[in-house]
Amino acid sequence: METIKLKINKRTSYGKALLELIKIGIDEKKGVEIVDENEPNSATIKAIEDVEKGKTFKVKNSKDLFKELGI
């Protein structure tokens, strides 16, 4: 078995149609499955890495949070 990875934008009409076509094919033939992998974007990956490295801060209230964020 070979794994083929496709990125399909489920929000577009073409993406919806393609996904539906694949689902119809899956219903008729066995040996094919859809694996939904939600990959985080680069900003999310950086945020996760920062948390893992301990680059976080604690605040007492929302006022302190806004001050820390520079808002």
N, C-alpha and C. Protein backbone atom coordinates (compact mmCIF):
# COMPACT_ATOMS: atom_id res chain seq x y z
N MET A 1 0.85 -1.18 0.00
CA MET A 1 0.00 0.00 0.00
C MET A 1 0.89 1.23 0.00
N GLU A 2 0.49 2.22 -0.74
CA GLU A 2 1.22 3.49 -0.82
C GLU A 2 0.35 4.59 -0.23
N THR A 3 0.98 5.50 0.49
CA THR A 3 0.26 6.63 1.06
C THR A 3 0.49 7.86 0.19
N ILE A 4 -0.60 8.49 -0.19
CA ILE A 4 -0.54 9.72 -0.97
C ILE A 4 -1.20 10.81 -0.15
N LYS A 5 -0.52 11.91 0.03
CA LYS A 5 -1.03 13.00 0.85
C LYS A 5 -1.52 14.12 -0.07
N LEU A 6 -2.77 14.52 0.10
CA LEU A 6 -3.36 15.61 -0.67
C LEU A 6 -3.78 16.72 0.28
N LYS A 7 -3.56 17.95 -0.11
CA LYS A 7 -4.09 19.08 0.64
C LYS A 7 -5.30 19.59 -0.14
N ILE A 8 -6.46 19.48 0.49
CA ILE A 8 -7.71 19.89 -0.16
C ILE A 8 -8.35 20.97 0.70
N ASN A 9 -8.63 22.11 0.08
CA ASN A 9 -9.31 23.19 0.79
C ASN A 9 -10.80 22.87 0.80
N LYS A 10 -11.30 22.46 1.96
CA LYS A 10 -12.70 22.05 2.10
C LYS A 10 -13.67 23.21 1.96
N ARG A 11 -13.17 24.43 1.95
CA ARG A 11 -14.04 25.60 1.88
C ARG A 11 -14.38 26.00 0.45
N THR A 12 -13.61 25.51 -0.52
CA THR A 12 -13.87 25.88 -1.92
C THR A 12 -14.82 24.87 -2.54
N SER A 13 -15.51 25.30 -3.60
CA SER A 13 -16.44 24.39 -4.27
C SER A 13 -15.68 23.24 -4.91
N TYR A 14 -14.51 23.52 -5.49
CA TYR A 14 -13.71 22.45 -6.10
C TYR A 14 -13.22 21.47 -5.04
N GLY A 15 -12.77 21.98 -3.91
CA GLY A 15 -12.31 21.12 -2.83
C GLY A 15 -13.42 20.23 -2.31
N LYS A 16 -14.62 20.80 -2.15
CA LYS A 16 -15.77 20.02 -1.68
C LYS A 16 -16.11 18.93 -2.68
N ALA A 17 -16.10 19.29 -3.98
CA ALA A 17 -16.44 18.32 -5.02
C ALA A 17 -15.41 17.19 -5.07
N LEU A 18 -14.14 17.54 -4.99
CA LEU A 18 -13.09 16.53 -5.04
C LEU A 18 -13.18 15.59 -3.84
N LEU A 19 -13.40 16.15 -2.67
CA LEU A 19 -13.53 15.33 -1.47
C LEU A 19 -14.73 14.40 -1.57
N GLU A 20 -15.83 14.90 -2.10
CA GLU A 20 -17.03 14.07 -2.26
C GLU A 20 -16.77 12.94 -3.26
N LEU A 21 -16.05 13.25 -4.34
CA LEU A 21 -15.70 12.23 -5.33
C LEU A 21 -14.84 11.14 -4.70
N ILE A 22 -13.89 11.53 -3.89
CA ILE A 22 -13.04 10.55 -3.20
C ILE A 22 -13.88 9.70 -2.25
N LYS A 23 -14.80 10.32 -1.53
CA LYS A 23 -15.65 9.57 -0.60
C LYS A 23 -16.52 8.56 -1.34
N ILE A 24 -17.03 8.93 -2.51
CA ILE A 24 -17.83 8.00 -3.31
C ILE A 24 -16.97 6.81 -3.73
N GLY A 25 -15.74 7.09 -4.14
CA GLY A 25 -14.83 6.02 -4.53
C GLY A 25 -14.50 5.11 -3.37
N ILE A 26 -14.40 5.65 -2.18
CA ILE A 26 -14.11 4.85 -0.99
C ILE A 26 -15.27 3.91 -0.68
N ASP A 27 -16.50 4.40 -0.88
CA ASP A 27 -17.67 3.57 -0.61
C ASP A 27 -17.72 2.36 -1.54
N GLU A 28 -17.26 2.54 -2.78
CA GLU A 28 -17.33 1.46 -3.77
C GLU A 28 -16.16 0.50 -3.68
N LYS A 29 -14.99 0.98 -3.31
CA LYS A 29 -13.78 0.15 -3.27
C LYS A 29 -13.20 0.14 -1.87
N LYS A 30 -12.72 -0.99 -1.45
CA LYS A 30 -12.06 -1.09 -0.15
C LYS A 30 -10.57 -0.85 -0.34
N GLY A 31 -9.87 -0.55 0.73
CA GLY A 31 -8.43 -0.34 0.66
C GLY A 31 -8.03 1.12 0.57
N VAL A 32 -9.01 2.01 0.64
CA VAL A 32 -8.75 3.45 0.59
C VAL A 32 -9.39 4.07 1.82
N GLU A 33 -8.67 4.94 2.49
CA GLU A 33 -9.24 5.64 3.63
C GLU A 33 -8.78 7.09 3.64
N ILE A 34 -9.59 7.94 4.21
CA ILE A 34 -9.25 9.36 4.35
C ILE A 34 -8.74 9.56 5.77
N VAL A 35 -7.55 10.12 5.87
CA VAL A 35 -6.96 10.43 7.17
C VAL A 35 -6.90 11.95 7.26
N ASP A 36 -7.62 12.51 8.19
CA ASP A 36 -7.66 13.97 8.35
C ASP A 36 -6.54 14.40 9.29
N GLU A 37 -5.51 15.00 8.73
CA GLU A 37 -4.38 15.48 9.52
C GLU A 37 -4.44 17.00 9.57
N ASN A 38 -4.70 17.53 10.72
CA ASN A 38 -4.70 18.98 10.88
C ASN A 38 -3.30 19.41 11.28
N GLU A 39 -2.61 20.05 10.35
CA GLU A 39 -1.25 20.50 10.62
C GLU A 39 -1.28 21.94 11.11
N PRO A 40 -0.60 22.22 12.21
CA PRO A 40 -0.56 23.60 12.71
C PRO A 40 0.27 24.49 11.80
N ASN A 41 -0.08 25.77 11.76
CA ASN A 41 0.70 26.72 10.96
C ASN A 41 1.97 27.11 11.71
N SER A 42 2.82 27.89 11.07
CA SER A 42 4.13 28.22 11.65
C SER A 42 4.00 29.00 12.96
N ALA A 43 3.00 29.88 13.07
CA ALA A 43 2.82 30.65 14.30
C ALA A 43 2.45 29.73 15.47
N THR A 44 1.60 28.75 15.19
CA THR A 44 1.21 27.80 16.23
C THR A 44 2.39 26.94 16.65
N ILE A 45 3.18 26.49 15.68
CA ILE A 45 4.36 25.68 15.98
C ILE A 45 5.32 26.46 16.86
N LYS A 46 5.55 27.75 16.53
CA LYS A 46 6.44 28.59 17.32
C LYS A 46 5.90 28.75 18.74
N ALA A 47 4.60 28.95 18.88
CA ALA A 47 3.99 29.11 20.21
C ALA A 47 4.16 27.84 21.04
N ILE A 48 3.98 26.69 20.42
CA ILE A 48 4.16 25.42 21.13
C ILE A 48 5.61 25.27 21.58
N GLU A 49 6.55 25.60 20.69
CA GLU A 49 7.97 25.51 21.04
C GLU A 49 8.31 26.45 22.19
N ASP A 50 7.76 27.67 22.16
CA ASP A 50 8.01 28.63 23.24
C ASP A 50 7.52 28.10 24.59
N VAL A 51 6.34 27.50 24.59
CA VAL A 51 5.80 26.93 25.83
C VAL A 51 6.68 25.80 26.33
N GLU A 52 7.11 24.94 25.40
CA GLU A 52 7.97 23.82 25.79
C GLU A 52 9.31 24.30 26.36
N LYS A 53 9.79 25.45 25.88
CA LYS A 53 11.06 26.01 26.36
C LYS A 53 10.87 26.85 27.62
N GLY A 54 9.63 27.00 28.06
CA GLY A 54 9.36 27.78 29.27
C GLY A 54 9.29 29.27 29.03
N LYS A 55 9.14 29.68 27.79
CA LYS A 55 9.05 31.11 27.47
C LYS A 55 7.60 31.58 27.64
N THR A 56 7.16 31.59 28.89
CA THR A 56 5.81 32.03 29.21
C THR A 56 5.88 33.07 30.32
N PHE A 57 4.77 33.70 30.61
CA PHE A 57 4.72 34.66 31.70
C PHE A 57 3.39 34.53 32.43
N LYS A 58 3.39 34.94 33.70
CA LYS A 58 2.18 34.91 34.50
C LYS A 58 1.74 36.33 34.79
N VAL A 59 0.44 36.51 34.80
CA VAL A 59 -0.13 37.83 35.11
C VAL A 59 -1.19 37.66 36.19
N LYS A 60 -1.45 38.76 36.90
CA LYS A 60 -2.42 38.72 37.98
C LYS A 60 -3.84 38.95 37.48
N ASN A 61 -3.96 39.81 36.47
CA ASN A 61 -5.29 40.15 35.97
C ASN A 61 -5.18 40.62 34.52
N SER A 62 -6.30 40.99 33.95
CA SER A 62 -6.32 41.40 32.54
C SER A 62 -5.50 42.66 32.30
N LYS A 63 -5.48 43.57 33.27
CA LYS A 63 -4.70 44.80 33.12
C LYS A 63 -3.21 44.46 32.98
N ASP A 64 -2.72 43.55 33.82
CA ASP A 64 -1.32 43.12 33.72
C ASP A 64 -1.05 42.40 32.40
N LEU A 65 -2.03 41.63 31.94
CA LEU A 65 -1.87 40.93 30.66
C LEU A 65 -1.71 41.93 29.52
N PHE A 66 -2.58 42.93 29.48
CA PHE A 66 -2.49 43.94 28.42
C PHE A 66 -1.17 44.69 28.49
N LYS A 67 -0.70 44.96 29.69
CA LYS A 67 0.58 45.64 29.86
C LYS A 67 1.72 44.77 29.33
N GLU A 68 1.69 43.49 29.66
CA GLU A 68 2.73 42.55 29.21
C GLU A 68 2.73 42.43 27.68
N LEU A 69 1.55 42.46 27.09
CA LEU A 69 1.43 42.35 25.64
C LEU A 69 1.65 43.67 24.91
N GLY A 70 1.73 44.76 25.66
CA GLY A 70 1.94 46.07 25.04
C GLY A 70 0.70 46.64 24.40
N ILE A 71 -0.42 46.27 24.93
CA ILE A 71 -1.70 46.75 24.37
C ILE A 71 -2.23 47.90 25.21
